[in-house]
Amino acid sequence: MAPMRCSICGRAFDSEQSQTMPFCSQRCKDIDRNRWLNEEYGLPWEPAVERPEGADPSADNRGG
């Protein structure tokens, strides 16, 4: 038995018996999926630096 806690509801469950790992149930799996789809979760990112057309991209690496 490998006990785990569901990251959605906090319920303890046996990971070897779960068909919806890493969640305890299909309900919690669906809640997680909907949070991603509704953009409640996201990955960190930085917007790309916009350069004027024809600018030298190697200029970003110069000290100064």
N, C-alpha and C. Protein backbone atom coordinates (compact mmCIF):
# COMPACT_ATOMS: atom_id res chain seq x y z
N MET A 1 0.84 -1.19 0.00
CA MET A 1 0.00 0.00 0.00
C MET A 1 0.88 1.25 0.00
N ALA A 2 0.62 2.17 -0.89
CA ALA A 2 1.36 3.42 -0.97
C ALA A 2 0.38 4.57 -0.70
N PRO A 3 0.27 5.00 0.56
CA PRO A 3 -0.70 6.06 0.88
C PRO A 3 -0.27 7.40 0.31
N MET A 4 -1.26 8.13 -0.16
CA MET A 4 -1.04 9.48 -0.71
C MET A 4 -2.20 10.35 -0.29
N ARG A 5 -2.05 11.64 -0.47
CA ARG A 5 -3.15 12.59 -0.25
C ARG A 5 -3.47 13.24 -1.58
N CYS A 6 -4.75 13.33 -1.86
CA CYS A 6 -5.22 13.97 -3.09
C CYS A 6 -4.92 15.46 -3.01
N SER A 7 -4.34 16.02 -4.07
CA SER A 7 -3.99 17.43 -4.07
C SER A 7 -5.21 18.34 -4.21
N ILE A 8 -6.35 17.78 -4.56
CA ILE A 8 -7.57 18.59 -4.71
C ILE A 8 -8.38 18.61 -3.43
N CYS A 9 -8.71 17.43 -2.88
CA CYS A 9 -9.59 17.37 -1.71
C CYS A 9 -8.86 17.04 -0.41
N GLY A 10 -7.61 16.57 -0.49
CA GLY A 10 -6.84 16.26 0.70
C GLY A 10 -7.12 14.88 1.28
N ARG A 11 -7.99 14.12 0.66
CA ARG A 11 -8.35 12.80 1.16
C ARG A 11 -7.18 11.82 0.97
N ALA A 12 -6.95 10.97 1.98
CA ALA A 12 -5.92 9.94 1.86
C ALA A 12 -6.47 8.80 1.02
N PHE A 13 -5.62 8.23 0.16
CA PHE A 13 -6.04 7.11 -0.68
C PHE A 13 -4.84 6.25 -1.01
N ASP A 14 -5.12 5.02 -1.45
CA ASP A 14 -4.08 4.07 -1.81
C ASP A 14 -3.72 4.28 -3.29
N SER A 15 -2.52 4.75 -3.54
CA SER A 15 -2.11 5.06 -4.91
C SER A 15 -2.07 3.84 -5.81
N GLU A 16 -1.86 2.66 -5.24
CA GLU A 16 -1.81 1.44 -6.04
C GLU A 16 -3.20 1.01 -6.50
N GLN A 17 -4.24 1.49 -5.83
CA GLN A 17 -5.61 1.12 -6.18
C GLN A 17 -6.32 2.18 -7.02
N SER A 18 -5.75 3.37 -7.09
CA SER A 18 -6.39 4.48 -7.80
C SER A 18 -6.23 4.33 -9.30
N GLN A 19 -7.31 4.53 -10.02
CA GLN A 19 -7.26 4.53 -11.49
C GLN A 19 -7.14 5.95 -12.03
N THR A 20 -7.09 6.91 -11.12
CA THR A 20 -7.05 8.32 -11.53
C THR A 20 -5.85 9.05 -10.92
N MET A 21 -4.74 8.33 -10.76
CA MET A 21 -3.54 8.93 -10.17
C MET A 21 -3.18 10.22 -10.91
N PRO A 22 -2.76 11.24 -10.26
CA PRO A 22 -2.44 11.35 -8.84
C PRO A 22 -3.62 11.85 -8.00
N PHE A 23 -4.82 11.61 -8.46
CA PHE A 23 -6.02 12.05 -7.74
C PHE A 23 -6.74 10.85 -7.15
N CYS A 24 -7.60 11.10 -6.16
CA CYS A 24 -8.30 10.00 -5.49
C CYS A 24 -9.53 9.54 -6.25
N SER A 25 -10.06 10.38 -7.14
CA SER A 25 -11.29 10.03 -7.84
C SER A 25 -11.37 10.75 -9.18
N GLN A 26 -12.31 10.32 -10.00
CA GLN A 26 -12.54 10.98 -11.28
C GLN A 26 -13.01 12.41 -11.06
N ARG A 27 -13.79 12.63 -10.00
CA ARG A 27 -14.28 13.97 -9.68
C ARG A 27 -13.12 14.93 -9.46
N CYS A 28 -12.14 14.53 -8.64
CA CYS A 28 -10.99 15.40 -8.37
C CYS A 28 -10.14 15.60 -9.63
N LYS A 29 -10.03 14.58 -10.45
CA LYS A 29 -9.29 14.69 -11.71
C LYS A 29 -9.97 15.71 -12.62
N ASP A 30 -11.31 15.67 -12.68
CA ASP A 30 -12.07 16.61 -13.50
C ASP A 30 -11.95 18.05 -12.97
N ILE A 31 -11.96 18.20 -11.65
CA ILE A 31 -11.79 19.53 -11.06
C ILE A 31 -10.44 20.11 -11.47
N ASP A 32 -9.38 19.30 -11.40
CA ASP A 32 -8.05 19.76 -11.79
C ASP A 32 -8.01 20.15 -13.26
N ARG A 33 -8.58 19.32 -14.12
CA ARG A 33 -8.60 19.60 -15.57
C ARG A 33 -9.32 20.91 -15.84
N ASN A 34 -10.46 21.12 -15.18
CA ASN A 34 -11.22 22.35 -15.40
C ASN A 34 -10.46 23.58 -14.91
N ARG A 35 -9.68 23.44 -13.86
CA ARG A 35 -8.88 24.57 -13.40
C ARG A 35 -7.83 24.96 -14.44
N TRP A 36 -7.22 23.95 -15.09
CA TRP A 36 -6.28 24.25 -16.17
C TRP A 36 -6.99 24.90 -17.34
N LEU A 37 -8.13 24.36 -17.73
CA LEU A 37 -8.86 24.89 -18.89
C LEU A 37 -9.39 26.30 -18.65
N ASN A 38 -9.73 26.61 -17.41
CA ASN A 38 -10.22 27.95 -17.07
C ASN A 38 -9.08 28.91 -16.72
N GLU A 39 -7.85 28.44 -16.91
CA GLU A 39 -6.64 29.21 -16.67
C GLU A 39 -6.52 29.68 -15.23
N GLU A 40 -7.05 28.88 -14.29
CA GLU A 40 -6.83 29.14 -12.87
C GLU A 40 -5.42 28.71 -12.49
N TYR A 41 -4.86 27.78 -13.23
CA TYR A 41 -3.47 27.35 -13.09
C TYR A 41 -2.74 27.84 -14.32
N GLY A 42 -1.44 27.95 -14.20
CA GLY A 42 -0.65 28.33 -15.36
C GLY A 42 0.82 28.13 -15.07
N LEU A 43 1.61 28.19 -16.09
CA LEU A 43 3.05 28.08 -15.97
C LEU A 43 3.65 29.48 -16.06
N PRO A 44 4.69 29.74 -15.27
CA PRO A 44 5.31 31.07 -15.33
C PRO A 44 5.97 31.29 -16.69
N TRP A 45 5.90 32.52 -17.16
CA TRP A 45 6.52 32.85 -18.44
C TRP A 45 6.84 34.33 -18.45
N GLU A 46 7.76 34.68 -19.30
CA GLU A 46 8.12 36.08 -19.49
C GLU A 46 7.83 36.42 -20.95
N PRO A 47 7.17 37.53 -21.18
CA PRO A 47 6.89 37.91 -22.56
C PRO A 47 8.18 38.13 -23.35
N ALA A 48 8.12 37.81 -24.60
CA ALA A 48 9.29 37.99 -25.47
C ALA A 48 9.60 39.48 -25.61
N VAL A 49 10.87 39.80 -25.70
CA VAL A 49 11.29 41.18 -25.91
C VAL A 49 11.06 41.51 -27.37
N GLU A 50 10.31 42.56 -27.62
CA GLU A 50 10.07 42.96 -29.01
C GLU A 50 11.21 43.86 -29.48
N ARG A 51 11.75 43.52 -30.63
CA ARG A 51 12.84 44.30 -31.21
C ARG A 51 12.32 45.00 -32.46
N PRO A 52 12.80 46.17 -32.69
CA PRO A 52 12.43 46.84 -33.95
C PRO A 52 12.92 46.01 -35.13
N GLU A 53 12.19 46.07 -36.22
CA GLU A 53 12.56 45.31 -37.40
C GLU A 53 13.95 45.71 -37.86
N GLY A 54 14.79 44.71 -38.12
CA GLY A 54 16.15 44.95 -38.57
C GLY A 54 17.15 45.15 -37.44
N ALA A 55 16.70 45.09 -36.19
CA ALA A 55 17.61 45.28 -35.06
C ALA A 55 18.55 44.08 -34.95
N ASP A 56 19.73 44.31 -34.43
CA ASP A 56 20.75 43.27 -34.26
C ASP A 56 20.45 42.48 -32.98
N PRO A 57 20.04 41.19 -33.07
CA PRO A 57 19.70 40.42 -31.87
C PRO A 57 20.91 40.18 -30.98
N SER A 58 22.14 40.25 -31.51
CA SER A 58 23.32 40.03 -30.67
C SER A 58 23.56 41.25 -29.76
N ALA A 59 22.89 42.37 -29.98
CA ALA A 59 23.06 43.55 -29.15
C ALA A 59 22.56 43.29 -27.74
N ASP A 60 21.67 42.32 -27.54
CA ASP A 60 21.17 41.99 -26.20
C ASP A 60 22.26 41.41 -25.32
N ASN A 61 23.31 40.85 -25.92
CA ASN A 61 24.36 40.18 -25.15
C ASN A 61 25.52 41.09 -24.82
N ARG A 62 25.48 42.31 -25.27
CA ARG A 62 26.58 43.25 -25.02
C ARG A 62 26.42 43.87 -23.64
N GLY A 63 27.51 44.03 -22.97
CA GLY A 63 27.51 44.70 -21.66
C GLY A 63 27.36 46.19 -21.85
N GLY A 64 27.00 46.85 -20.73
CA GLY A 64 26.99 48.28 -20.93
C GLY A 64 26.09 48.99 -20.13
